[in-house]
Every structure is written in structure tokens, then in C-alpha cells.
Amino acid sequence: MDFFCNKNMGLSSVLTKYIYMNNDTVHKEAWNSIGIFSVFLLLFSAIAYYAILKLNPTSLYVGLLMIAPSLATFVTLLIKGKSFASLPWGLKKFSFLKRGYAVPLLYVSIAYFFIWIFGVANFINLEKITTWSKELGLEGANEILVATVMIVLLLTVGVIKNLGSTLGKEIGWRGFLIFELRKVLSFNKVVLVSGIIWAVWHYPIIHLIYGRGEHLYLHIIAFTIMIVSISVILTYYTFKSESLWPAAIYHSVHNIYIQKIATPLTISKDISTFWIDEYGFMIPIITVFFAIYYLRKARVEGL
């Protein structure tokens, strides 16, 4: 009996040591990949930001910035000897795409509902609808018809067209980075670390928009809260679906709905800068509640 106990204890010790060494190797490989990715992300982003800030903010330079995360990912995979096919290109359930589409529509709608109801900005900007009528070739048409046609087109054709831009970012953020971080960090830490990296990556853009204005840091704070909050949602759906496509769809809808629809249809006041768009506080406040909900779901579901 003692012989078998000692033998089993020895075997158990060997297995424990093997698992520990194997985990240690996985951790080192993950940190190595994250480090390589970070170096090339910084390099490609710096080149793009220099061109945007010092030369001219043309769409080509902005486009280079948008694909910097995916470029960093591809170079990292090449260095590590991994295939591009190792990225989560597949999609098990179409329902994840539907959720990726619906969630940003929901929280942006709630945020702008409160913005308009509380009077920090007014609804509706008829000048924007007039501009839309000219773009659509519907001059003189009913304003509700014009607005409806444009919103439908933006949330379908516009979202699909914008996918190229958001995919260039999501290949890096959700397709690669969070999966490497998950090898060494808990879900909550993955969300926090990836969210902060994602937010800081945008800071030069915020500086470009607001310059050295007195409210620059408030906009940075608001944007960071929003980014970390939606990082929770995007990370949750990416891990659940094991695919980068829900995040790409989500990102595109988020951008289009805020930048092309909700904010343009809003008439700003002096106080509006603190509340509207991605750099005001209303959307961050709403997304915090969504983030709490998804953090709880992730914990219950063992992510």
C-alpha cells in the first residue's frame, strides 16, 4: 500500500511539475508575442501619426493608422512562424453578429435620448436633413422620408463600407491582442489592459480634434471611460463567439451611428461639448452600465 502511495505521489509530483513548466512556457510565449506586437504597433502608428499631424491629415494617412493594429499583428505572426489562418476568422453562430450590431444601436440610442430629453443639446438638426436631401437627390422631399432613407442606408451600406476600417483595427485588438493577453491574465485584466492600450492609441487624434483647449483632458477622460467600457462588451462577444467578426460589426455600427447619424442630427449648445459624441460623458455613463452587466455575465459563464 505504501509503495503505491509513494509511486502515485511521485507521479503526481511529476505531472504537476510538467503542467507548471508547460504553463510557464505558454506565458513566456504570450508575453513575447505581446511585446513584438506592441513594438510594431508603436512603429506603424508613429509613422501614421507623424504623417497626419506633421504633414497632412489625408484619408490615406488616416487609413494607414486604421490598419496599424492589423499590420502589427501580421508582422508578429510572421516572426513567430504562425499562419494568418490562426486568427479567429470563423463564426459559429450568426446570432453573435446580430448582437454585435444591436448593442451599440441600443446604448447610443439611450445616450442621445437622455441628451435630448435633458436639453443639453437639441433635436433635430433640419440643416443636416437638407444636406442629406441634396446628397440623395431628394430635394423637396418630406424631411421624415429623407431622414429615414439616409439612416437606413448609413446603417446598412455605410456599416458595410466602414468594415474595412474597423476590421483593420479589430484584427489587432480583438483578433490577436486579447487572445494573447488571456493566456496570462484574467478576463477582467484583459479588458482593462486592452482597453487602456486601445484608448491611449487614440489620444493623438483627440489632441488633433481639440488642440490645447481647456477641456482637452475632460474629453480624454470621457473617451477612456467609454473605450474601457465597450472593451468589456467586445471582449465578451469575441471570446463567446471565438471570432473577430462580431467586434468588427460592432465597431462599425458604433462609429457610423454616432459620427454619421446621432451627432449630426443634434443641435449643439455651449454645454453640449461635455455630453455629446464619443468625447462627452453621456455615452461613457451609459456604457459603464452595459460593462457592469457583461462583466457579471463573463464571471457567471466562466470567461
C-alpha atoms as a PDB file:
ATOM      1  CA  MET A   1       0.000   0.000   0.000  1.00  0.00           C
ATOM      2  CA  ASP A   2       2.774   2.406   0.922  1.00  0.00           C
ATOM      3  CA  PHE A   3       4.564   1.524  -2.294  1.00  0.00           C
ATOM      4  CA  PHE A   4       1.588   2.511  -4.442  1.00  0.00           C
ATOM      5  CA  CYS A   5       1.020   5.677  -2.434  1.00  0.00           C
ATOM      6  CA  ASN A   6       4.616   6.754  -2.878  1.00  0.00           C
ATOM      7  CA  LYS A   7       4.522   5.827  -6.534  1.00  0.00           C
ATOM      8  CA  ASN A   8       1.334   7.795  -7.088  1.00  0.00           C
ATOM      9  CA  MET A   9       2.697  10.749  -5.153  1.00  0.00           C
ATOM     10  CA  GLY A  10       5.793  10.695  -7.313  1.00  0.00           C
ATOM     11  CA  LEU A  11       3.755  10.540 -10.492  1.00  0.00           C
ATOM     12  CA  SER A  12       1.533  13.369  -9.254  1.00  0.00           C
ATOM     13  CA  SER A  13       4.563  15.492  -8.492  1.00  0.00           C
ATOM     14  CA  VAL A  14       5.993  14.900 -11.961  1.00  0.00           C
ATOM     15  CA  LEU A  15       2.669  15.791 -13.614  1.00  0.00           C
ATOM     16  CA  THR A  16       2.360  18.955 -11.517  1.00  0.00           C
ATOM     17  CA  LYS A  17       5.886  19.979 -12.429  1.00  0.00           C
ATOM     18  CA  TYR A  18       5.204  19.284 -16.123  1.00  0.00           C
ATOM     19  CA  ILE A  19       1.996  21.315 -16.121  1.00  0.00           C
ATOM     20  CA  TYR A  20       3.743  24.177 -14.329  1.00  0.00           C
ATOM     21  CA  MET A  21       6.636  24.165 -16.810  1.00  0.00           C
ATOM     22  CA  ASN A  22       4.202  23.959 -19.723  1.00  0.00           C
ATOM     23  CA  ASN A  23       2.197  26.905 -18.397  1.00  0.00           C
ATOM     24  CA  ASP A  24       5.397  28.837 -17.827  1.00  0.00           C
ATOM     25  CA  THR A  25       6.363  28.265 -21.460  1.00  0.00           C
ATOM     26  CA  VAL A  26       2.930  29.381 -22.665  1.00  0.00           C
ATOM     27  CA  HIS A  27       3.180  32.537 -20.543  1.00  0.00           C
ATOM     28  CA  LYS A  28       6.638  33.396 -21.872  1.00  0.00           C
ATOM     29  CA  GLU A  29       5.491  32.858 -25.451  1.00  0.00           C
ATOM     30  CA  ALA A  30       2.413  35.003 -24.885  1.00  0.00           C
ATOM     31  CA  TRP A  31       4.381  37.871 -23.343  1.00  0.00           C
ATOM     32  CA  ASN A  32       6.904  37.618 -26.157  1.00  0.00           C
ATOM     33  CA  SER A  33       4.134  37.875 -28.752  1.00  0.00           C
ATOM     34  CA  ILE A  34       2.539  40.796 -26.908  1.00  0.00           C
ATOM     35  CA  GLY A  35       5.905  42.557 -26.773  1.00  0.00           C
ATOM     36  CA  ILE A  36       6.557  42.112 -30.506  1.00  0.00           C
ATOM     37  CA  PHE A  37       3.028  43.261 -31.311  1.00  0.00           C
ATOM     38  CA  SER A  38       3.446  46.347 -29.114  1.00  0.00           C
ATOM     39  CA  VAL A  39       6.740  47.342 -30.751  1.00  0.00           C
ATOM     40  CA  PHE A  40       5.352  47.149 -34.275  1.00  0.00           C
ATOM     41  CA  LEU A  41       2.056  48.764 -33.259  1.00  0.00           C
ATOM     42  CA  LEU A  42       4.050  51.694 -31.888  1.00  0.00           C
ATOM     43  CA  LEU A  43       6.198  51.834 -35.032  1.00  0.00           C
ATOM     44  CA  PHE A  44       3.377  51.770 -37.581  1.00  0.00           C
ATOM     45  CA  SER A  45       1.184  54.091 -35.510  1.00  0.00           C
ATOM     46  CA  ALA A  46       4.037  56.574 -35.026  1.00  0.00           C
ATOM     47  CA  ILE A  47       4.637  56.729 -38.778  1.00  0.00           C
ATOM     48  CA  ALA A  48       0.937  57.298 -39.434  1.00  0.00           C
ATOM     49  CA  TYR A  49       0.560  59.876 -36.674  1.00  0.00           C
ATOM     50  CA  TYR A  50       3.620  61.783 -37.874  1.00  0.00           C
ATOM     51  CA  ALA A  51       2.127  61.968 -41.367  1.00  0.00           C
ATOM     52  CA  ILE A  52      -1.284  63.031 -40.020  1.00  0.00           C
ATOM     53  CA  LEU A  53      -0.054  65.593 -37.511  1.00  0.00           C
ATOM     54  CA  LYS A  54       3.027  66.971 -39.289  1.00  0.00           C
ATOM     55  CA  LEU A  55       2.288  66.567 -42.988  1.00  0.00           C
ATOM     56  CA  ASN A  56      -1.410  66.491 -43.830  1.00  0.00           C
ATOM     57  CA  PRO A  57      -4.360  64.588 -42.329  1.00  0.00           C
ATOM     58  CA  THR A  58      -5.345  62.991 -45.621  1.00  0.00           C
ATOM     59  CA  SER A  59      -7.522  59.887 -45.797  1.00  0.00           C
ATOM     60  CA  LEU A  60      -4.532  57.801 -46.918  1.00  0.00           C
ATOM     61  CA  TYR A  61      -2.535  58.635 -43.791  1.00  0.00           C
ATOM     62  CA  VAL A  62      -5.604  58.071 -41.630  1.00  0.00           C
ATOM     63  CA  GLY A  63      -6.115  54.759 -43.426  1.00  0.00           C
ATOM     64  CA  LEU A  64      -2.550  53.753 -42.560  1.00  0.00           C
ATOM     65  CA  LEU A  65      -3.314  54.467 -38.911  1.00  0.00           C
ATOM     66  CA  MET A  66      -6.506  52.411 -39.059  1.00  0.00           C
ATOM     67  CA  ILE A  67      -4.663  49.322 -40.286  1.00  0.00           C
ATOM     68  CA  ALA A  68      -1.667  49.730 -37.938  1.00  0.00           C
ATOM     69  CA  PRO A  69      -3.021  47.145 -35.436  1.00  0.00           C
ATOM     70  CA  SER A  70      -3.550  44.555 -38.176  1.00  0.00           C
ATOM     71  CA  LEU A  71      -0.116  45.255 -39.679  1.00  0.00           C
ATOM     72  CA  ALA A  72       1.443  44.767 -36.244  1.00  0.00           C
ATOM     73  CA  THR A  73      -0.476  41.505 -35.913  1.00  0.00           C
ATOM     74  CA  PHE A  74       0.638  40.151 -39.287  1.00  0.00           C
ATOM     75  CA  VAL A  75       4.302  41.007 -38.634  1.00  0.00           C
ATOM     76  CA  THR A  76       4.107  39.366 -35.203  1.00  0.00           C
ATOM     77  CA  LEU A  77       2.638  36.194 -36.695  1.00  0.00           C
ATOM     78  CA  LEU A  78       5.374  36.104 -39.342  1.00  0.00           C
ATOM     79  CA  ILE A  79       8.107  36.496 -36.732  1.00  0.00           C
ATOM     80  CA  LYS A  80       6.559  33.812 -34.539  1.00  0.00           C
ATOM     81  CA  GLY A  81       6.146  31.481 -37.510  1.00  0.00           C
ATOM     82  CA  LYS A  82       2.375  31.323 -37.208  1.00  0.00           C
ATOM     83  CA  SER A  83      -0.179  31.313 -40.003  1.00  0.00           C
ATOM     84  CA  PHE A  84      -2.629  34.164 -40.614  1.00  0.00           C
ATOM     85  CA  ALA A  85      -5.246  31.421 -40.503  1.00  0.00           C
ATOM     86  CA  SER A  86      -4.545  31.082 -36.774  1.00  0.00           C
ATOM     87  CA  LEU A  87      -6.569  34.255 -36.204  1.00  0.00           C
ATOM     88  CA  PRO A  88     -10.254  33.756 -35.281  1.00  0.00           C
ATOM     89  CA  TRP A  89     -11.720  34.246 -38.744  1.00  0.00           C
ATOM     90  CA  GLY A  90     -14.543  31.736 -38.350  1.00  0.00           C
ATOM     91  CA  LEU A  91     -18.019  32.262 -36.942  1.00  0.00           C
ATOM     92  CA  LYS A  92     -20.008  29.548 -35.197  1.00  0.00           C
ATOM     93  CA  LYS A  93     -23.311  31.364 -34.755  1.00  0.00           C
ATOM     94  CA  PHE A  94     -24.835  34.188 -36.801  1.00  0.00           C
ATOM     95  CA  SER A  95     -26.599  35.375 -33.640  1.00  0.00           C
ATOM     96  CA  PHE A  96     -23.324  36.877 -32.407  1.00  0.00           C
ATOM     97  CA  LEU A  97     -23.257  39.167 -35.445  1.00  0.00           C
ATOM     98  CA  LYS A  98     -26.799  40.283 -34.651  1.00  0.00           C
ATOM     99  CA  ARG A  99     -25.822  41.101 -31.085  1.00  0.00           C
ATOM    100  CA  GLY A 100     -22.702  42.893 -32.260  1.00  0.00           C
ATOM    101  CA  TYR A 101     -24.934  45.002 -34.476  1.00  0.00           C
ATOM    102  CA  ALA A 102     -27.700  45.633 -31.940  1.00  0.00           C
ATOM    103  CA  VAL A 103     -25.763  46.506 -28.754  1.00  0.00           C
ATOM    104  CA  PRO A 104     -24.175  49.771 -29.982  1.00  0.00           C
ATOM    105  CA  LEU A 105     -27.506  50.812 -31.509  1.00  0.00           C
ATOM    106  CA  LEU A 106     -29.083  50.343 -28.090  1.00  0.00           C
ATOM    107  CA  TYR A 107     -26.643  52.255 -25.898  1.00  0.00           C
ATOM    108  CA  VAL A 108     -26.150  55.126 -28.354  1.00  0.00           C
ATOM    109  CA  SER A 109     -29.937  55.499 -28.654  1.00  0.00           C
ATOM    110  CA  ILE A 110     -30.305  55.569 -24.871  1.00  0.00           C
ATOM    111  CA  ALA A 111     -27.492  58.104 -24.515  1.00  0.00           C
ATOM    112  CA  TYR A 112     -28.866  60.507 -27.108  1.00  0.00           C
ATOM    113  CA  PHE A 113     -32.392  60.105 -25.769  1.00  0.00           C
ATOM    114  CA  PHE A 114     -31.154  61.460 -22.433  1.00  0.00           C
ATOM    115  CA  ILE A 115     -29.105  64.159 -24.181  1.00  0.00           C
ATOM    116  CA  TRP A 116     -32.199  65.441 -25.989  1.00  0.00           C
ATOM    117  CA  ILE A 117     -34.626  64.939 -23.079  1.00  0.00           C
ATOM    118  CA  PHE A 118     -32.392  66.749 -20.571  1.00  0.00           C
ATOM    119  CA  GLY A 119     -31.870  69.596 -23.023  1.00  0.00           C
ATOM    120  CA  VAL A 120     -28.079  69.578 -23.079  1.00  0.00           C
ATOM    121  CA  ALA A 121     -28.496  69.549 -26.875  1.00  0.00           C
ATOM    122  CA  ASN A 122     -31.484  69.864 -29.167  1.00  0.00           C
ATOM    123  CA  PHE A 123     -33.121  67.521 -31.654  1.00  0.00           C
ATOM    124  CA  ILE A 124     -33.408  67.748 -34.682  1.00  0.00           C
ATOM    125  CA  ASN A 125     -30.903  69.462 -36.973  1.00  0.00           C
ATOM    126  CA  LEU A 126     -33.006  70.285 -40.034  1.00  0.00           C
ATOM    127  CA  GLU A 127     -29.992  71.729 -41.857  1.00  0.00           C
ATOM    128  CA  LYS A 128     -28.385  68.292 -41.788  1.00  0.00           C
ATOM    129  CA  ILE A 129     -31.527  66.747 -43.279  1.00  0.00           C
ATOM    130  CA  THR A 130     -31.447  69.363 -46.022  1.00  0.00           C
ATOM    131  CA  THR A 131     -27.841  68.394 -46.750  1.00  0.00           C
ATOM    132  CA  TRP A 132     -28.887  64.739 -46.842  1.00  0.00           C
ATOM    133  CA  SER A 133     -31.698  65.525 -49.275  1.00  0.00           C
ATOM    134  CA  LYS A 134     -29.155  67.012 -51.694  1.00  0.00           C
ATOM    135  CA  GLU A 135     -26.809  64.040 -51.298  1.00  0.00           C
ATOM    136  CA  LEU A 136     -29.667  61.643 -52.039  1.00  0.00           C
ATOM    137  CA  GLY A 137     -31.106  63.680 -54.892  1.00  0.00           C
ATOM    138  CA  LEU A 138     -34.344  64.108 -52.929  1.00  0.00           C
ATOM    139  CA  GLU A 139     -34.554  67.905 -52.733  1.00  0.00           C
ATOM    140  CA  GLY A 140     -38.011  68.995 -51.737  1.00  0.00           C
ATOM    141  CA  ALA A 141     -38.963  65.556 -50.396  1.00  0.00           C
ATOM    142  CA  ASN A 142     -40.560  65.094 -46.999  1.00  0.00           C
ATOM    143  CA  GLU A 143     -37.977  65.517 -44.215  1.00  0.00           C
ATOM    144  CA  ILE A 144     -39.025  62.333 -42.429  1.00  0.00           C
ATOM    145  CA  LEU A 145     -38.645  60.379 -45.678  1.00  0.00           C
ATOM    146  CA  VAL A 146     -35.189  61.847 -46.302  1.00  0.00           C
ATOM    147  CA  ALA A 147     -34.028  61.121 -42.761  1.00  0.00           C
ATOM    148  CA  THR A 148     -35.398  57.585 -42.885  1.00  0.00           C
ATOM    149  CA  VAL A 149     -33.770  56.763 -46.228  1.00  0.00           C
ATOM    150  CA  MET A 150     -30.393  58.167 -45.156  1.00  0.00           C
ATOM    151  CA  ILE A 151     -30.392  56.450 -41.751  1.00  0.00           C
ATOM    152  CA  VAL A 152     -31.293  53.093 -43.313  1.00  0.00           C
ATOM    153  CA  LEU A 153     -28.556  53.478 -45.931  1.00  0.00           C
ATOM    154  CA  LEU A 154     -25.960  54.508 -43.356  1.00  0.00           C
ATOM    155  CA  LEU A 155     -26.812  51.596 -41.057  1.00  0.00           C
ATOM    156  CA  THR A 156     -26.566  49.100 -43.909  1.00  0.00           C
ATOM    157  CA  VAL A 157     -24.374  50.272 -46.785  1.00  0.00           C
ATOM    158  CA  GLY A 158     -22.447  52.666 -44.543  1.00  0.00           C
ATOM    159  CA  VAL A 159     -21.712  49.991 -41.953  1.00  0.00           C
ATOM    160  CA  ILE A 160     -20.506  47.557 -44.620  1.00  0.00           C
ATOM    161  CA  LYS A 161     -18.287  50.196 -46.269  1.00  0.00           C
ATOM    162  CA  ASN A 162     -16.810  51.099 -42.884  1.00  0.00           C
ATOM    163  CA  LEU A 163     -15.963  47.467 -42.131  1.00  0.00           C
ATOM    164  CA  GLY A 164     -12.641  47.817 -43.932  1.00  0.00           C
ATOM    165  CA  SER A 165     -11.557  50.428 -41.427  1.00  0.00           C
ATOM    166  CA  THR A 166     -12.856  48.678 -38.326  1.00  0.00           C
ATOM    167  CA  LEU A 167     -11.536  45.297 -39.447  1.00  0.00           C
ATOM    168  CA  GLY A 168      -8.076  46.834 -39.802  1.00  0.00           C
ATOM    169  CA  LYS A 169      -8.227  47.658 -36.100  1.00  0.00           C
ATOM    170  CA  GLU A 170     -10.143  44.655 -34.801  1.00  0.00           C
ATOM    171  CA  ILE A 171      -7.739  42.120 -36.338  1.00  0.00           C
ATOM    172  CA  GLY A 172      -5.214  43.577 -33.912  1.00  0.00           C
ATOM    173  CA  TRP A 173      -7.282  44.423 -30.843  1.00  0.00           C
ATOM    174  CA  ARG A 174      -9.765  41.563 -30.636  1.00  0.00           C
ATOM    175  CA  GLY A 175      -8.401  39.146 -33.224  1.00  0.00           C
ATOM    176  CA  PHE A 176      -4.927  38.930 -31.688  1.00  0.00           C
ATOM    177  CA  LEU A 177      -4.192  41.018 -28.589  1.00  0.00           C
ATOM    178  CA  ILE A 178      -6.941  39.884 -26.235  1.00  0.00           C
ATOM    179  CA  PHE A 179      -6.333  36.199 -27.006  1.00  0.00           C
ATOM    180  CA  GLU A 180      -2.644  36.584 -26.139  1.00  0.00           C
ATOM    181  CA  LEU A 181      -3.470  38.561 -23.008  1.00  0.00           C
ATOM    182  CA  ARG A 182      -5.968  35.895 -21.926  1.00  0.00           C
ATOM    183  CA  LYS A 183      -3.126  33.357 -21.764  1.00  0.00           C
ATOM    184  CA  VAL A 184      -1.554  35.339 -18.920  1.00  0.00           C
ATOM    185  CA  LEU A 185      -4.339  37.467 -17.415  1.00  0.00           C
ATOM    186  CA  SER A 186      -7.864  37.090 -16.062  1.00  0.00           C
ATOM    187  CA  PHE A 187     -10.853  38.283 -18.109  1.00  0.00           C
ATOM    188  CA  ASN A 188     -11.142  41.495 -16.059  1.00  0.00           C
ATOM    189  CA  LYS A 189      -7.462  42.306 -16.501  1.00  0.00           C
ATOM    190  CA  VAL A 190      -7.613  41.533 -20.220  1.00  0.00           C
ATOM    191  CA  VAL A 191     -10.451  44.043 -20.529  1.00  0.00           C
ATOM    192  CA  LEU A 192      -8.598  46.701 -18.546  1.00  0.00           C
ATOM    193  CA  VAL A 193      -5.198  46.312 -20.227  1.00  0.00           C
ATOM    194  CA  SER A 194      -6.519  46.050 -23.790  1.00  0.00           C
ATOM    195  CA  GLY A 195      -8.980  48.877 -23.157  1.00  0.00           C
ATOM    196  CA  ILE A 196      -6.291  51.232 -21.874  1.00  0.00           C
ATOM    197  CA  ILE A 197      -3.965  50.399 -24.781  1.00  0.00           C
ATOM    198  CA  TRP A 198      -6.839  50.983 -27.212  1.00  0.00           C
ATOM    199  CA  ALA A 199      -7.750  54.302 -25.563  1.00  0.00           C
ATOM    200  CA  VAL A 200      -4.176  55.639 -25.398  1.00  0.00           C
ATOM    201  CA  TRP A 201      -3.709  54.748 -29.059  1.00  0.00           C
ATOM    202  CA  HIS A 202      -6.458  57.310 -29.825  1.00  0.00           C
ATOM    203  CA  TYR A 203      -5.075  60.160 -27.706  1.00  0.00           C
ATOM    204  CA  PRO A 204      -3.198  61.939 -30.543  1.00  0.00           C
ATOM    205  CA  ILE A 205      -6.480  62.013 -32.505  1.00  0.00           C
ATOM    206  CA  ILE A 206      -8.263  63.660 -29.577  1.00  0.00           C
ATOM    207  CA  HIS A 207      -5.441  66.176 -29.337  1.00  0.00           C
ATOM    208  CA  LEU A 208      -5.797  66.855 -33.067  1.00  0.00           C
ATOM    209  CA  ILE A 209      -9.544  67.481 -32.666  1.00  0.00           C
ATOM    210  CA  TYR A 210      -9.447  69.647 -29.532  1.00  0.00           C
ATOM    211  CA  GLY A 211      -5.916  71.056 -29.680  1.00  0.00           C
ATOM    212  CA  ARG A 212      -4.794  72.529 -26.386  1.00  0.00           C
ATOM    213  CA  GLY A 213      -8.293  73.585 -25.394  1.00  0.00           C
ATOM    214  CA  GLU A 214      -9.133  73.935 -21.727  1.00  0.00           C
ATOM    215  CA  HIS A 215     -11.419  70.878 -21.851  1.00  0.00           C
ATOM    216  CA  LEU A 216      -8.941  68.537 -23.582  1.00  0.00           C
ATOM    217  CA  TYR A 217      -8.361  66.366 -20.512  1.00  0.00           C
ATOM    218  CA  LEU A 218     -12.073  66.058 -19.787  1.00  0.00           C
ATOM    219  CA  HIS A 219     -12.596  64.727 -23.308  1.00  0.00           C
ATOM    220  CA  ILE A 220      -9.717  62.288 -22.848  1.00  0.00           C
ATOM    221  CA  ILE A 221     -11.209  61.051 -19.568  1.00  0.00           C
ATOM    222  CA  ALA A 222     -14.670  60.630 -21.094  1.00  0.00           C
ATOM    223  CA  PHE A 223     -13.289  58.803 -24.113  1.00  0.00           C
ATOM    224  CA  THR A 224     -11.159  56.498 -21.962  1.00  0.00           C
ATOM    225  CA  ILE A 225     -14.151  55.529 -19.801  1.00  0.00           C
ATOM    226  CA  MET A 226     -16.156  54.732 -22.922  1.00  0.00           C
ATOM    227  CA  ILE A 227     -13.374  52.722 -24.557  1.00  0.00           C
ATOM    228  CA  VAL A 228     -12.645  50.597 -21.478  1.00  0.00           C
ATOM    229  CA  SER A 229     -16.383  50.006 -21.022  1.00  0.00           C
ATOM    230  CA  ILE A 230     -17.022  48.845 -24.575  1.00  0.00           C
ATOM    231  CA  SER A 231     -13.818  46.814 -24.373  1.00  0.00           C
ATOM    232  CA  VAL A 232     -15.707  44.671 -21.853  1.00  0.00           C
ATOM    233  CA  ILE A 233     -18.532  44.077 -24.329  1.00  0.00           C
ATOM    234  CA  LEU A 234     -16.269  43.427 -27.304  1.00  0.00           C
ATOM    235  CA  THR A 235     -14.038  41.064 -25.351  1.00  0.00           C
ATOM    236  CA  TYR A 236     -17.060  39.163 -24.064  1.00  0.00           C
ATOM    237  CA  TYR A 237     -18.543  38.638 -27.542  1.00  0.00           C
ATOM    238  CA  THR A 238     -15.178  37.807 -29.084  1.00  0.00           C
ATOM    239  CA  PHE A 239     -14.447  35.087 -26.542  1.00  0.00           C
ATOM    240  CA  LYS A 240     -18.011  33.748 -26.664  1.00  0.00           C
ATOM    241  CA  SER A 241     -18.086  33.597 -30.462  1.00  0.00           C
ATOM    242  CA  GLU A 242     -14.378  32.759 -30.873  1.00  0.00           C
ATOM    243  CA  SER A 243     -14.491  35.164 -33.802  1.00  0.00           C
ATOM    244  CA  LEU A 244     -13.348  38.705 -34.587  1.00  0.00           C
ATOM    245  CA  TRP A 245     -16.370  39.427 -36.821  1.00  0.00           C
ATOM    246  CA  PRO A 246     -18.868  40.431 -34.102  1.00  0.00           C
ATOM    247  CA  ALA A 247     -16.338  43.003 -32.858  1.00  0.00           C
ATOM    248  CA  ALA A 248     -15.748  44.341 -36.388  1.00  0.00           C
ATOM    249  CA  ILE A 249     -19.506  44.735 -36.968  1.00  0.00           C
ATOM    250  CA  TYR A 250     -19.993  46.288 -33.525  1.00  0.00           C
ATOM    251  CA  HIS A 251     -17.147  48.760 -34.084  1.00  0.00           C
ATOM    252  CA  SER A 252     -18.513  49.806 -37.465  1.00  0.00           C
ATOM    253  CA  VAL A 253     -22.074  50.324 -36.188  1.00  0.00           C
ATOM    254  CA  HIS A 254     -20.769  52.269 -33.174  1.00  0.00           C
ATOM    255  CA  ASN A 255     -18.799  54.642 -35.414  1.00  0.00           C
ATOM    256  CA  ILE A 256     -21.479  55.124 -38.051  1.00  0.00           C
ATOM    257  CA  TYR A 257     -24.354  55.632 -35.636  1.00  0.00           C
ATOM    258  CA  ILE A 258     -22.525  58.227 -33.531  1.00  0.00           C
ATOM    259  CA  GLN A 259     -20.466  60.032 -36.163  1.00  0.00           C
ATOM    260  CA  LYS A 260     -22.853  59.942 -39.131  1.00  0.00           C
ATOM    261  CA  ILE A 261     -26.311  59.939 -37.541  1.00  0.00           C
ATOM    262  CA  ALA A 262     -26.788  60.806 -33.854  1.00  0.00           C
ATOM    263  CA  THR A 263     -24.298  63.669 -33.522  1.00  0.00           C
ATOM    264  CA  PRO A 264     -25.071  65.267 -36.931  1.00  0.00           C
ATOM    265  CA  LEU A 265     -28.798  65.290 -36.101  1.00  0.00           C
ATOM    266  CA  THR A 266     -28.077  67.049 -32.802  1.00  0.00           C
ATOM    267  CA  ILE A 267     -28.051  70.840 -32.419  1.00  0.00           C
ATOM    268  CA  SER A 268     -25.272  71.705 -30.000  1.00  0.00           C
ATOM    269  CA  LYS A 269     -25.299  74.264 -27.203  1.00  0.00           C
ATOM    270  CA  ASP A 270     -22.386  75.644 -25.187  1.00  0.00           C
ATOM    271  CA  ILE A 271     -22.784  72.845 -22.648  1.00  0.00           C
ATOM    272  CA  SER A 272     -23.118  70.131 -25.290  1.00  0.00           C
ATOM    273  CA  THR A 273     -19.383  69.535 -25.643  1.00  0.00           C
ATOM    274  CA  PHE A 274     -19.382  67.906 -22.196  1.00  0.00           C
ATOM    275  CA  TRP A 275     -22.108  65.425 -23.124  1.00  0.00           C
ATOM    276  CA  ILE A 276     -22.416  64.548 -26.799  1.00  0.00           C
ATOM    277  CA  ASP A 277     -20.389  62.366 -29.132  1.00  0.00           C
ATOM    278  CA  GLU A 278     -17.630  59.946 -28.101  1.00  0.00           C
ATOM    279  CA  TYR A 279     -15.788  62.671 -26.209  1.00  0.00           C
ATOM    280  CA  GLY A 280     -18.646  63.798 -23.994  1.00  0.00           C
ATOM    281  CA  PHE A 281     -19.817  61.981 -20.872  1.00  0.00           C
ATOM    282  CA  MET A 282     -23.280  60.656 -21.741  1.00  0.00           C
ATOM    283  CA  ILE A 283     -22.221  57.675 -23.846  1.00  0.00           C
ATOM    284  CA  PRO A 284     -19.470  56.727 -21.337  1.00  0.00           C
ATOM    285  CA  ILE A 285     -22.005  56.802 -18.488  1.00  0.00           C
ATOM    286  CA  ILE A 286     -24.404  54.515 -20.353  1.00  0.00           C
ATOM    287  CA  THR A 287     -21.658  52.135 -21.474  1.00  0.00           C
ATOM    288  CA  VAL A 288     -20.449  51.760 -17.875  1.00  0.00           C
ATOM    289  CA  PHE A 289     -23.813  50.150 -17.013  1.00  0.00           C
ATOM    290  CA  PHE A 290     -23.507  47.861 -20.031  1.00  0.00           C
ATOM    291  CA  ALA A 291     -19.960  46.969 -18.977  1.00  0.00           C
ATOM    292  CA  ILE A 292     -21.094  46.016 -15.474  1.00  0.00           C
ATOM    293  CA  TYR A 293     -23.760  43.741 -16.964  1.00  0.00           C
ATOM    294  CA  TYR A 294     -21.262  41.974 -19.241  1.00  0.00           C
ATOM    295  CA  LEU A 295     -18.637  41.666 -16.514  1.00  0.00           C
ATOM    296  CA  ARG A 296     -21.198  39.808 -14.428  1.00  0.00           C
ATOM    297  CA  LYS A 297     -22.130  37.593 -17.380  1.00  0.00           C
ATOM    298  CA  ALA A 298     -18.476  36.809 -18.003  1.00  0.00           C
ATOM    299  CA  ARG A 299     -17.961  35.848 -14.366  1.00  0.00           C
ATOM    300  CA  VAL A 300     -21.047  33.631 -14.248  1.00  0.00           C
ATOM    301  CA  GLU A 301     -20.124  31.961 -17.548  1.00  0.00           C
ATOM    302  CA  GLY A 302     -16.533  31.377 -16.526  1.00  0.00           C
ATOM    303  CA  LEU A 303     -14.818  33.548 -19.104  1.00  0.00           C
END
